[in-house]
N, C-alpha and C. Protein backbone atom coordinates (compact mmCIF):
# COMPACT_ATOMS: atom_id res chain seq x y z
N UNK A 1 53.36 171.11 161.23
CA UNK A 1 53.23 170.78 162.83
C UNK A 1 52.55 171.87 163.36
N UNK A 2 51.90 171.52 164.47
CA UNK A 2 51.11 172.57 165.32
C UNK A 2 51.55 172.35 166.71
N UNK A 3 51.86 173.50 167.44
CA UNK A 3 52.33 173.59 168.75
C UNK A 3 51.08 174.41 169.47
N UNK A 4 50.64 173.66 170.65
CA UNK A 4 49.90 174.37 171.37
C UNK A 4 50.35 174.50 172.93
N UNK A 5 50.40 175.74 173.50
CA UNK A 5 50.65 175.73 174.87
C UNK A 5 49.73 176.31 175.57
N UNK A 6 49.21 175.76 176.78
CA UNK A 6 48.35 176.23 177.54
C UNK A 6 48.38 176.29 178.96
N UNK A 7 47.59 177.29 179.81
CA UNK A 7 47.76 177.20 181.24
C UNK A 7 46.34 177.59 181.64
N UNK A 8 46.07 176.82 182.52
CA UNK A 8 44.73 176.52 183.48
C UNK A 8 44.72 177.71 184.51
N UNK A 9 43.90 178.38 184.80
CA UNK A 9 43.54 179.45 185.98
C UNK A 9 43.52 178.39 187.25
N UNK A 10 44.03 178.81 188.36
CA UNK A 10 44.03 178.08 189.51
C UNK A 10 45.33 177.22 189.48
N UNK A 11 45.09 176.48 190.73
CA UNK A 11 46.04 175.57 190.94
C UNK A 11 45.54 174.03 191.68
N UNK A 12 46.13 173.11 191.65
CA UNK A 12 45.52 171.82 192.27
C UNK A 12 44.97 170.93 191.29
N UNK A 13 44.04 170.01 191.99
CA UNK A 13 43.52 169.09 191.05
C UNK A 13 42.48 169.21 190.32
N UNK A 14 41.69 170.40 190.31
CA UNK A 14 40.88 170.88 189.31
C UNK A 14 41.57 171.48 188.09
N UNK A 15 42.60 172.22 188.33
CA UNK A 15 43.47 172.82 187.33
C UNK A 15 44.09 171.63 186.39
N UNK A 16 44.50 170.80 187.05
CA UNK A 16 44.99 169.60 186.41
C UNK A 16 44.16 168.80 185.69
N UNK A 17 42.97 168.52 186.14
CA UNK A 17 41.87 167.88 185.39
C UNK A 17 41.47 168.83 184.38
N UNK A 18 41.25 169.98 184.41
CA UNK A 18 40.86 170.89 183.09
C UNK A 18 41.99 170.86 182.00
N UNK A 19 43.39 170.88 182.48
CA UNK A 19 44.29 170.73 181.41
C UNK A 19 44.42 169.40 180.83
N UNK A 20 44.01 168.27 181.68
CA UNK A 20 43.94 167.09 180.95
C UNK A 20 42.76 166.96 179.86
N UNK A 21 41.60 167.51 180.23
CA UNK A 21 40.53 167.56 179.33
C UNK A 21 40.92 168.49 178.10
N UNK A 22 41.56 169.65 178.28
CA UNK A 22 41.90 170.62 177.21
C UNK A 22 42.76 169.83 176.26
N UNK A 23 43.69 169.29 176.90
CA UNK A 23 44.92 168.47 175.80
C UNK A 23 44.01 167.33 175.20
N UNK A 24 43.08 166.51 175.54
CA UNK A 24 42.40 165.49 174.83
C UNK A 24 41.60 166.07 173.73
N UNK A 25 41.00 167.32 174.17
CA UNK A 25 40.15 168.05 172.95
C UNK A 25 41.06 168.73 171.97
N UNK A 26 42.15 169.23 172.27
CA UNK A 26 43.12 169.72 171.39
C UNK A 26 43.52 168.65 170.35
N UNK A 27 43.99 167.42 171.07
CA UNK A 27 44.80 166.33 170.07
C UNK A 27 43.42 165.86 169.20
N UNK A 28 42.28 165.99 169.62
CA UNK A 28 41.32 165.21 168.73
C UNK A 28 40.99 166.41 167.73
N UNK A 29 40.75 167.53 167.91
CA UNK A 29 40.47 168.49 167.03
C UNK A 29 41.54 168.55 165.99
N UNK A 30 42.90 168.48 166.38
CA UNK A 30 44.00 168.65 165.71
C UNK A 30 43.94 167.68 164.15
N UNK A 31 43.33 166.53 164.49
CA UNK A 31 42.84 165.64 163.72
C UNK A 31 42.00 165.94 162.36
N UNK A 32 41.44 167.19 162.57
CA UNK A 32 40.58 167.65 161.56
C UNK A 32 41.42 168.84 160.75
N UNK A 33 42.66 168.92 160.90
CA UNK A 33 43.49 169.82 160.36
C UNK A 33 42.89 171.32 160.25
N UNK A 34 42.45 171.71 161.29
CA UNK A 34 41.77 173.11 161.44
C UNK A 34 43.08 174.28 161.46
N UNK A 35 42.77 175.44 161.00
CA UNK A 35 43.72 176.45 161.24
C UNK A 35 43.62 176.70 162.94
N UNK A 36 44.87 177.62 163.24
CA UNK A 36 45.16 177.71 164.56
C UNK A 36 43.73 178.29 165.16
N UNK A 37 43.10 179.32 164.64
CA UNK A 37 42.12 180.19 164.91
C UNK A 37 40.74 179.16 165.08
N UNK A 38 40.60 178.26 164.11
CA UNK A 38 39.57 177.47 164.10
C UNK A 38 39.57 176.35 165.19
N UNK A 39 40.87 176.04 165.35
CA UNK A 39 41.02 174.99 166.64
C UNK A 39 40.58 175.64 167.82
N UNK A 40 41.09 176.81 168.08
CA UNK A 40 40.59 177.61 169.20
C UNK A 40 39.18 177.78 169.21
N UNK A 41 38.44 178.06 168.35
CA UNK A 41 37.03 178.33 168.40
C UNK A 41 36.27 177.08 168.65
N UNK A 42 36.69 176.01 168.24
CA UNK A 42 35.96 174.69 168.35
C UNK A 42 36.49 174.18 169.84
N UNK A 43 37.67 174.22 170.17
CA UNK A 43 37.75 173.88 171.53
C UNK A 43 37.12 174.85 172.45
N UNK A 44 36.93 176.14 172.41
CA UNK A 44 36.30 176.85 173.19
C UNK A 44 34.77 176.37 173.40
N UNK A 45 34.41 176.18 172.17
CA UNK A 45 32.95 175.85 172.13
C UNK A 45 32.55 174.35 173.13
N UNK A 46 33.62 173.51 173.21
CA UNK A 46 33.42 172.27 173.81
C UNK A 46 33.95 172.70 175.39
N UNK A 47 34.96 173.33 175.80
CA UNK A 47 35.35 173.55 177.01
C UNK A 47 34.32 174.32 177.85
N UNK A 48 33.79 175.30 177.06
CA UNK A 48 32.75 176.09 177.59
C UNK A 48 31.69 175.43 178.44
N UNK A 49 31.31 174.20 177.80
CA UNK A 49 30.22 173.51 178.35
C UNK A 49 30.63 172.45 179.66
N UNK A 50 32.02 172.55 179.76
CA UNK A 50 32.45 171.58 180.80
C UNK A 50 33.40 172.50 181.98
N UNK A 51 33.73 173.61 181.67
CA UNK A 51 34.63 174.22 182.67
C UNK A 51 33.89 175.14 183.50
N UNK A 52 34.25 175.03 184.91
CA UNK A 52 33.35 175.93 185.90
C UNK A 52 33.55 177.39 185.53
N UNK A 53 32.42 178.02 185.70
CA UNK A 53 32.52 179.50 185.37
C UNK A 53 33.62 180.53 186.02
N UNK A 54 34.01 179.89 186.86
CA UNK A 54 35.26 180.64 187.63
C UNK A 54 36.66 180.28 187.17
N UNK A 55 36.65 179.50 186.21
CA UNK A 55 37.96 178.83 185.64
C UNK A 55 37.95 179.37 184.13
N UNK A 56 39.33 179.24 183.81
CA UNK A 56 39.57 179.65 182.22
C UNK A 56 40.86 179.07 181.77
N UNK A 57 41.00 178.74 180.40
CA UNK A 57 42.34 178.30 179.99
C UNK A 57 42.82 179.25 179.12
N UNK A 58 44.32 179.70 179.13
CA UNK A 58 44.85 180.70 178.04
C UNK A 58 45.51 179.64 177.15
N UNK A 59 45.54 179.92 175.99
CA UNK A 59 46.30 179.22 174.94
C UNK A 59 46.74 179.79 173.75
N UNK A 60 48.03 179.47 173.17
CA UNK A 60 48.44 179.88 172.02
C UNK A 60 48.58 178.57 170.98
N UNK A 61 47.88 178.69 169.89
CA UNK A 61 48.25 177.60 168.78
C UNK A 61 48.95 178.22 167.75
N UNK A 62 50.10 177.45 167.14
CA UNK A 62 50.73 177.77 166.18
C UNK A 62 51.07 176.66 165.35
N UNK A 63 50.83 176.84 164.03
CA UNK A 63 50.97 175.92 162.89
C UNK A 63 52.37 176.41 162.21
N UNK A 64 53.41 175.35 162.30
CA UNK A 64 54.58 175.74 161.74
C UNK A 64 54.73 174.87 160.28
N UNK A 65 54.68 175.73 159.13
CA UNK A 65 54.81 175.01 157.77
C UNK A 65 56.20 175.27 157.24
N UNK A 66 57.01 174.16 157.72
CA UNK A 66 58.43 174.47 157.64
C UNK A 66 58.54 174.66 155.47
N UNK A 67 57.77 173.90 154.96
CA UNK A 67 58.23 173.87 153.50
C UNK A 67 58.14 175.31 152.95
N UNK A 68 56.97 176.07 153.52
CA UNK A 68 56.59 177.42 153.01
C UNK A 68 57.55 178.31 153.89
N UNK A 69 58.22 177.83 154.81
CA UNK A 69 58.85 178.92 155.87
C UNK A 69 57.87 180.04 156.53
N UNK A 70 56.99 179.45 157.05
CA UNK A 70 55.73 180.50 157.45
C UNK A 70 55.09 179.74 158.81
N UNK A 71 54.76 180.53 159.47
CA UNK A 71 53.82 180.20 160.76
C UNK A 71 52.70 180.77 160.79
N UNK A 72 51.60 180.47 161.41
CA UNK A 72 50.12 180.87 161.26
C UNK A 72 49.86 180.66 163.00
N UNK A 73 49.57 181.86 163.60
CA UNK A 73 49.47 182.15 164.81
C UNK A 73 47.96 182.51 165.46
N UNK A 74 47.46 181.77 166.29
CA UNK A 74 46.44 182.42 167.15
C UNK A 74 46.52 182.34 168.51
N UNK A 75 45.80 183.04 169.23
CA UNK A 75 46.08 183.16 170.90
C UNK A 75 44.73 183.47 171.52
N UNK A 76 44.44 182.51 172.65
CA UNK A 76 43.30 182.74 173.41
C UNK A 76 43.83 183.22 174.77
N UNK A 77 44.31 184.53 174.79
CA UNK A 77 44.91 185.11 176.26
C UNK A 77 46.06 184.82 176.58
N UNK A 78 46.77 183.97 175.82
CA UNK A 78 48.03 183.46 176.46
C UNK A 78 49.13 184.74 176.39
N UNK A 79 50.23 184.28 176.62
CA UNK A 79 51.51 185.13 176.64
C UNK A 79 51.75 185.16 175.00
N UNK A 80 52.73 186.21 174.67
CA UNK A 80 52.77 186.15 173.19
C UNK A 80 53.66 184.94 172.69
N UNK A 81 54.05 184.95 171.47
CA UNK A 81 55.09 183.79 171.04
C UNK A 81 56.17 184.95 170.82
N UNK A 82 57.39 184.49 171.14
CA UNK A 82 58.43 185.29 170.78
C UNK A 82 59.41 184.67 169.73
N UNK A 83 59.84 185.31 168.81
CA UNK A 83 60.62 184.93 167.67
C UNK A 83 62.05 185.73 167.83
N UNK A 84 63.00 184.97 167.88
CA UNK A 84 64.43 185.37 167.74
C UNK A 84 64.77 185.48 166.22
N UNK A 85 65.00 186.51 165.48
CA UNK A 85 64.96 186.67 164.18
C UNK A 85 66.49 186.78 163.90
N UNK A 86 66.96 185.74 163.21
CA UNK A 86 68.38 185.63 163.05
C UNK A 86 69.18 186.41 162.40
N UNK A 87 68.38 187.07 161.21
CA UNK A 87 69.20 187.92 160.41
C UNK A 87 69.36 189.47 161.24
N UNK A 88 68.20 189.74 161.81
CA UNK A 88 68.49 191.10 162.70
C UNK A 88 68.87 190.92 164.03
N UNK A 89 68.81 189.63 164.48
CA UNK A 89 69.43 189.61 165.82
C UNK A 89 68.44 190.29 166.83
N UNK A 90 67.26 190.41 166.40
CA UNK A 90 66.12 190.83 167.42
C UNK A 90 65.16 190.12 167.75
N UNK A 91 64.27 190.24 168.86
CA UNK A 91 63.41 189.26 169.24
C UNK A 91 61.95 190.00 168.84
N UNK A 92 61.13 189.36 168.19
CA UNK A 92 59.80 189.98 167.86
C UNK A 92 58.90 189.38 168.43
N UNK A 93 57.71 189.91 169.16
CA UNK A 93 56.84 189.59 170.15
C UNK A 93 55.55 189.56 169.17
N UNK A 94 54.91 188.28 169.05
CA UNK A 94 53.79 187.98 168.04
C UNK A 94 52.36 187.80 169.08
N UNK A 95 51.80 188.81 169.07
CA UNK A 95 50.50 189.11 170.20
C UNK A 95 49.25 189.39 169.41
N UNK A 96 48.67 188.27 168.76
CA UNK A 96 47.27 188.37 168.17
C UNK A 96 46.31 188.76 169.02
N UNK A 97 45.30 189.33 168.86
CA UNK A 97 44.17 189.46 169.71
C UNK A 97 43.50 188.41 170.11
N UNK A 98 42.96 188.17 171.46
CA UNK A 98 42.14 187.00 171.45
C UNK A 98 42.07 186.88 173.28
N UNK A 99 40.82 186.31 173.52
CA UNK A 99 40.55 186.07 175.00
C UNK A 99 40.70 184.53 175.28
N UNK A 100 40.58 184.52 176.61
CA UNK A 100 40.80 183.10 177.22
C UNK A 100 39.59 182.09 176.91
N UNK A 101 39.93 180.86 177.09
CA UNK A 101 38.99 179.79 176.53
C UNK A 101 38.03 179.60 177.92
N UNK A 102 36.72 179.29 177.39
CA UNK A 102 35.95 178.97 178.69
C UNK A 102 34.95 179.96 179.20
N UNK A 103 35.00 181.04 178.79
CA UNK A 103 34.30 182.23 179.39
C UNK A 103 33.13 182.73 178.58
N UNK A 104 33.31 182.54 177.47
CA UNK A 104 31.97 182.80 176.37
C UNK A 104 31.79 181.70 175.47
N UNK A 105 30.58 181.54 175.03
CA UNK A 105 30.11 180.34 173.94
C UNK A 105 29.71 180.99 172.77
N UNK A 106 29.35 182.48 172.78
CA UNK A 106 28.76 182.92 171.58
C UNK A 106 29.87 183.80 170.67
N UNK A 107 29.37 184.46 169.79
CA UNK A 107 30.46 185.33 168.93
C UNK A 107 31.42 186.07 169.67
N UNK A 108 31.29 186.30 170.95
CA UNK A 108 32.17 187.21 171.70
C UNK A 108 33.74 186.73 171.56
N UNK A 109 33.74 185.30 171.74
CA UNK A 109 34.94 184.61 171.86
C UNK A 109 35.72 184.74 170.16
N UNK A 110 34.86 183.97 169.20
CA UNK A 110 35.38 184.04 167.94
C UNK A 110 35.60 185.62 167.23
N UNK A 111 34.82 186.45 167.97
CA UNK A 111 34.92 187.70 167.27
C UNK A 111 36.06 188.44 167.79
N UNK A 112 36.64 187.92 168.62
CA UNK A 112 37.74 188.60 169.45
C UNK A 112 39.04 187.79 169.28
N UNK A 113 39.09 186.96 168.28
CA UNK A 113 40.21 185.97 168.07
C UNK A 113 40.86 186.54 166.71
N UNK A 114 42.10 186.54 166.71
CA UNK A 114 43.03 187.06 165.43
C UNK A 114 43.77 185.93 165.02
N UNK A 115 44.04 185.78 163.91
CA UNK A 115 45.16 184.91 163.30
C UNK A 115 46.08 185.67 162.62
N UNK A 116 47.40 185.32 162.85
CA UNK A 116 48.25 186.23 161.94
C UNK A 116 49.35 185.06 161.22
N UNK A 117 49.57 185.39 160.09
CA UNK A 117 50.66 184.51 159.33
C UNK A 117 52.08 185.45 159.32
N UNK A 118 52.89 184.68 159.33
CA UNK A 118 54.20 185.22 159.41
C UNK A 118 55.29 184.42 158.76
N UNK A 119 56.27 184.89 158.10
CA UNK A 119 57.23 184.52 157.28
C UNK A 119 58.49 184.01 158.46
N UNK A 120 59.00 182.97 158.28
CA UNK A 120 60.31 182.57 159.20
C UNK A 120 61.33 182.36 158.46
N UNK A 121 62.48 182.29 158.85
CA UNK A 121 63.77 182.36 158.32
C UNK A 121 64.59 181.05 158.68
N UNK A 122 65.51 180.31 158.10
CA UNK A 122 66.46 179.52 158.60
C UNK A 122 67.04 180.17 159.74
N UNK A 123 67.48 179.59 161.29
CA UNK A 123 67.96 180.31 161.97
C UNK A 123 67.32 180.97 162.90
N UNK A 124 65.90 181.19 162.59
CA UNK A 124 64.90 181.95 163.57
C UNK A 124 64.56 180.78 164.49
N UNK A 125 64.25 181.62 165.73
CA UNK A 125 64.00 180.47 166.98
C UNK A 125 62.44 180.99 167.48
N UNK A 126 61.60 180.12 167.88
CA UNK A 126 60.29 180.34 168.37
C UNK A 126 60.36 180.07 169.82
N UNK A 127 59.87 180.82 170.65
CA UNK A 127 59.78 180.64 171.98
C UNK A 127 58.32 180.71 172.52
N UNK A 128 57.97 179.55 173.16
CA UNK A 128 56.60 179.58 173.80
C UNK A 128 56.90 179.39 175.18
N UNK A 129 56.15 180.07 176.13
CA UNK A 129 56.36 179.86 177.42
C UNK A 129 55.23 180.26 178.38
N UNK A 130 55.08 179.86 179.58
CA UNK A 130 53.97 179.96 180.23
C UNK A 130 54.18 181.09 181.16
N UNK A 131 53.21 181.97 181.96
CA UNK A 131 53.57 182.78 182.69
C UNK A 131 54.42 182.57 184.22
N UNK A 132 54.66 181.32 184.28
CA UNK A 132 55.35 180.89 185.39
C UNK A 132 56.83 181.24 185.37
N UNK A 133 57.23 181.34 183.78
CA UNK A 133 58.66 182.03 183.88
C UNK A 133 58.73 183.35 183.98
N UNK A 134 58.10 184.28 183.64
CA UNK A 134 57.98 185.61 183.86
C UNK A 134 57.75 185.93 185.39
N UNK A 135 56.77 185.23 186.03
CA UNK A 135 56.47 185.49 187.50
C UNK A 135 57.23 184.66 188.16
N UNK A 136 58.32 184.08 187.99
CA UNK A 136 59.25 183.35 188.98
C UNK A 136 59.89 184.55 189.60
N UNK A 137 59.75 184.26 191.16
CA UNK A 137 60.41 185.66 192.14
C UNK A 137 61.71 184.92 192.60
N UNK A 138 62.34 186.18 192.97
CA UNK A 138 63.52 185.94 193.78
C UNK A 138 63.37 186.18 195.13
N UNK A 139 64.37 186.11 196.11
CA UNK A 139 64.10 186.49 197.48
C UNK A 139 63.63 187.77 197.98
N UNK A 140 63.79 188.86 197.20
CA UNK A 140 63.34 190.25 196.98
C UNK A 140 62.04 190.33 196.62
N UNK A 141 61.54 189.21 196.02
CA UNK A 141 60.08 188.99 195.87
C UNK A 141 59.78 189.86 194.37
N UNK A 142 61.12 190.25 193.55
CA UNK A 142 60.98 190.69 192.20
C UNK A 142 60.78 189.36 191.33
N UNK A 143 59.94 189.90 190.26
CA UNK A 143 59.64 188.89 189.21
C UNK A 143 60.81 188.74 188.19
N UNK A 144 60.93 187.71 187.45
CA UNK A 144 61.99 187.35 186.56
C UNK A 144 61.60 188.36 185.29
N UNK A 145 60.47 188.51 185.21
CA UNK A 145 59.74 189.50 184.19
C UNK A 145 60.32 189.33 182.75
N UNK A 146 59.44 190.05 181.71
CA UNK A 146 59.83 189.81 180.21
C UNK A 146 61.21 190.42 179.83
N UNK A 147 61.55 191.68 180.46
CA UNK A 147 63.01 192.08 180.02
C UNK A 147 64.28 191.16 180.42
N UNK A 148 64.00 190.40 181.64
CA UNK A 148 64.97 189.64 181.92
C UNK A 148 64.99 188.41 181.22
N UNK A 149 63.93 188.03 180.59
CA UNK A 149 63.73 186.72 179.84
C UNK A 149 64.20 187.17 178.48
N UNK A 150 63.64 188.17 178.08
CA UNK A 150 64.41 188.53 176.79
C UNK A 150 65.81 188.68 176.59
N UNK A 151 66.36 189.52 177.60
CA UNK A 151 67.84 189.44 177.55
C UNK A 151 68.57 187.96 177.63
N UNK A 152 67.84 187.18 178.57
CA UNK A 152 68.46 185.80 178.64
C UNK A 152 68.22 185.08 177.15
N UNK A 153 67.13 185.27 176.60
CA UNK A 153 66.77 184.56 175.43
C UNK A 153 67.73 184.93 174.25
N UNK A 154 67.95 186.14 174.26
CA UNK A 154 68.68 186.53 172.98
C UNK A 154 70.24 186.19 173.09
N UNK A 155 70.68 185.77 174.45
CA UNK A 155 72.07 185.30 174.64
C UNK A 155 71.99 183.67 174.49
N UNK A 156 70.85 182.90 174.27
CA UNK A 156 70.78 181.75 174.57
C UNK A 156 70.55 180.99 172.90
N UNK A 157 70.44 181.74 171.98
CA UNK A 157 69.61 181.36 170.61
C UNK A 157 70.64 180.17 169.92
N UNK A 158 71.88 180.13 170.41
CA UNK A 158 72.68 179.08 169.52
C UNK A 158 72.59 177.71 170.19
N UNK A 159 72.63 176.80 169.51
CA UNK A 159 72.28 175.56 170.14
C UNK A 159 71.11 174.96 169.78
N UNK A 160 70.74 173.68 169.94
CA UNK A 160 69.48 173.03 169.88
C UNK A 160 68.42 173.55 170.59
N UNK A 161 67.25 173.29 170.38
CA UNK A 161 65.91 173.49 171.21
C UNK A 161 66.26 173.26 172.70
N UNK A 162 66.79 172.05 172.90
CA UNK A 162 66.67 171.37 174.14
C UNK A 162 67.57 172.09 175.03
N UNK A 163 68.87 172.76 174.44
CA UNK A 163 69.95 173.31 175.00
C UNK A 163 69.35 174.77 175.34
N UNK A 164 68.48 175.37 174.49
CA UNK A 164 67.88 176.69 174.78
C UNK A 164 66.96 176.60 175.72
N UNK A 165 66.25 175.62 175.81
CA UNK A 165 65.31 175.41 176.85
C UNK A 165 65.93 175.20 178.14
N UNK A 166 66.83 174.45 178.34
CA UNK A 166 67.60 174.15 179.54
C UNK A 166 68.40 175.51 180.19
N UNK A 167 69.03 176.20 179.14
CA UNK A 167 69.69 177.41 179.58
C UNK A 167 68.87 178.40 180.05
N UNK A 168 67.72 178.53 179.28
CA UNK A 168 66.68 179.43 179.93
C UNK A 168 66.16 179.18 181.13
N UNK A 169 65.83 177.85 181.48
CA UNK A 169 65.48 177.43 182.64
C UNK A 169 66.61 177.80 183.68
N UNK A 170 67.53 177.58 183.40
CA UNK A 170 69.12 177.82 184.45
C UNK A 170 68.95 179.26 184.69
N UNK A 171 68.79 180.33 183.85
CA UNK A 171 68.60 181.45 184.05
C UNK A 171 67.51 181.83 185.02
N UNK A 172 66.24 181.27 184.83
CA UNK A 172 65.14 181.53 185.92
C UNK A 172 65.54 180.81 187.07
N UNK A 173 66.19 179.83 187.37
CA UNK A 173 66.91 179.18 188.43
C UNK A 173 67.71 180.09 189.28
N UNK A 174 68.72 180.61 188.32
CA UNK A 174 69.90 181.49 188.97
C UNK A 174 69.00 182.85 189.50
N UNK A 175 68.00 183.25 188.70
CA UNK A 175 67.34 184.40 189.29
C UNK A 175 66.69 184.14 190.74
N UNK A 176 66.00 183.13 190.70
CA UNK A 176 65.29 182.82 191.79
C UNK A 176 66.07 182.37 192.99
N UNK A 177 67.38 181.88 192.90
CA UNK A 177 68.29 181.50 193.81
C UNK A 177 67.74 180.50 194.93
N UNK A 178 66.82 179.40 194.43
CA UNK A 178 66.52 178.52 195.21
C UNK A 178 64.92 178.89 195.88
N UNK A 179 64.68 180.04 195.79
CA UNK A 179 63.16 180.30 196.32
C UNK A 179 62.14 179.56 195.75
N UNK A 180 61.24 178.91 196.47
CA UNK A 180 60.15 178.04 196.19
C UNK A 180 59.39 178.67 194.92
N UNK A 181 59.21 177.81 193.87
CA UNK A 181 58.43 178.21 192.72
C UNK A 181 56.76 178.26 193.07
N UNK A 182 56.45 179.56 192.47
CA UNK A 182 55.01 179.84 192.85
C UNK A 182 54.07 178.97 191.78
N UNK A 183 54.37 179.06 190.67
CA UNK A 183 53.58 178.68 189.33
C UNK A 183 54.28 177.67 188.55
N UNK A 184 53.64 176.82 187.74
CA UNK A 184 54.14 175.87 186.81
C UNK A 184 54.91 176.67 185.88
N UNK A 185 56.14 176.01 185.30
CA UNK A 185 56.98 176.73 184.35
C UNK A 185 57.06 175.78 183.11
N UNK A 186 56.50 176.27 182.04
CA UNK A 186 56.70 175.56 180.61
C UNK A 186 57.40 176.68 179.54
């Protein structure tokens, strides 16, 4: 299974259009069974042709190989992948080197893209998120931030993926106490 999470710079119709285009590109390229790094390289080659030069897309691509208990991760300027390690009860931040999609068509993009392979164990939990989670603000204009997210995540890892997601979103909502959302949250 491959999981890709992306975020387009900007807001509104053009950002939605670019995300729709990126989603179609990723779905098509996934059929070729590329590694996460090669998937991002090919997507960048295509997106570079069609995206305005003042826009970009961050993304993280992760292949989960359940039978081998491993994951392969590549990141195009997106937030890290967070892994709750069930054995140690710690959260590991996976942050391979990489730059955003759509800014460079030459070897600069591929030359700055790293792919890492990690072992996983039963009970480990992978967390993918957008910057809207960390940048959610309360009435004092304070961000939810990575530390608050990590504390919440550590306390939510029991239960299903749906339950973890819902409870993490509740933690963000409790923090913001009804203040209007500035950015999308995934």
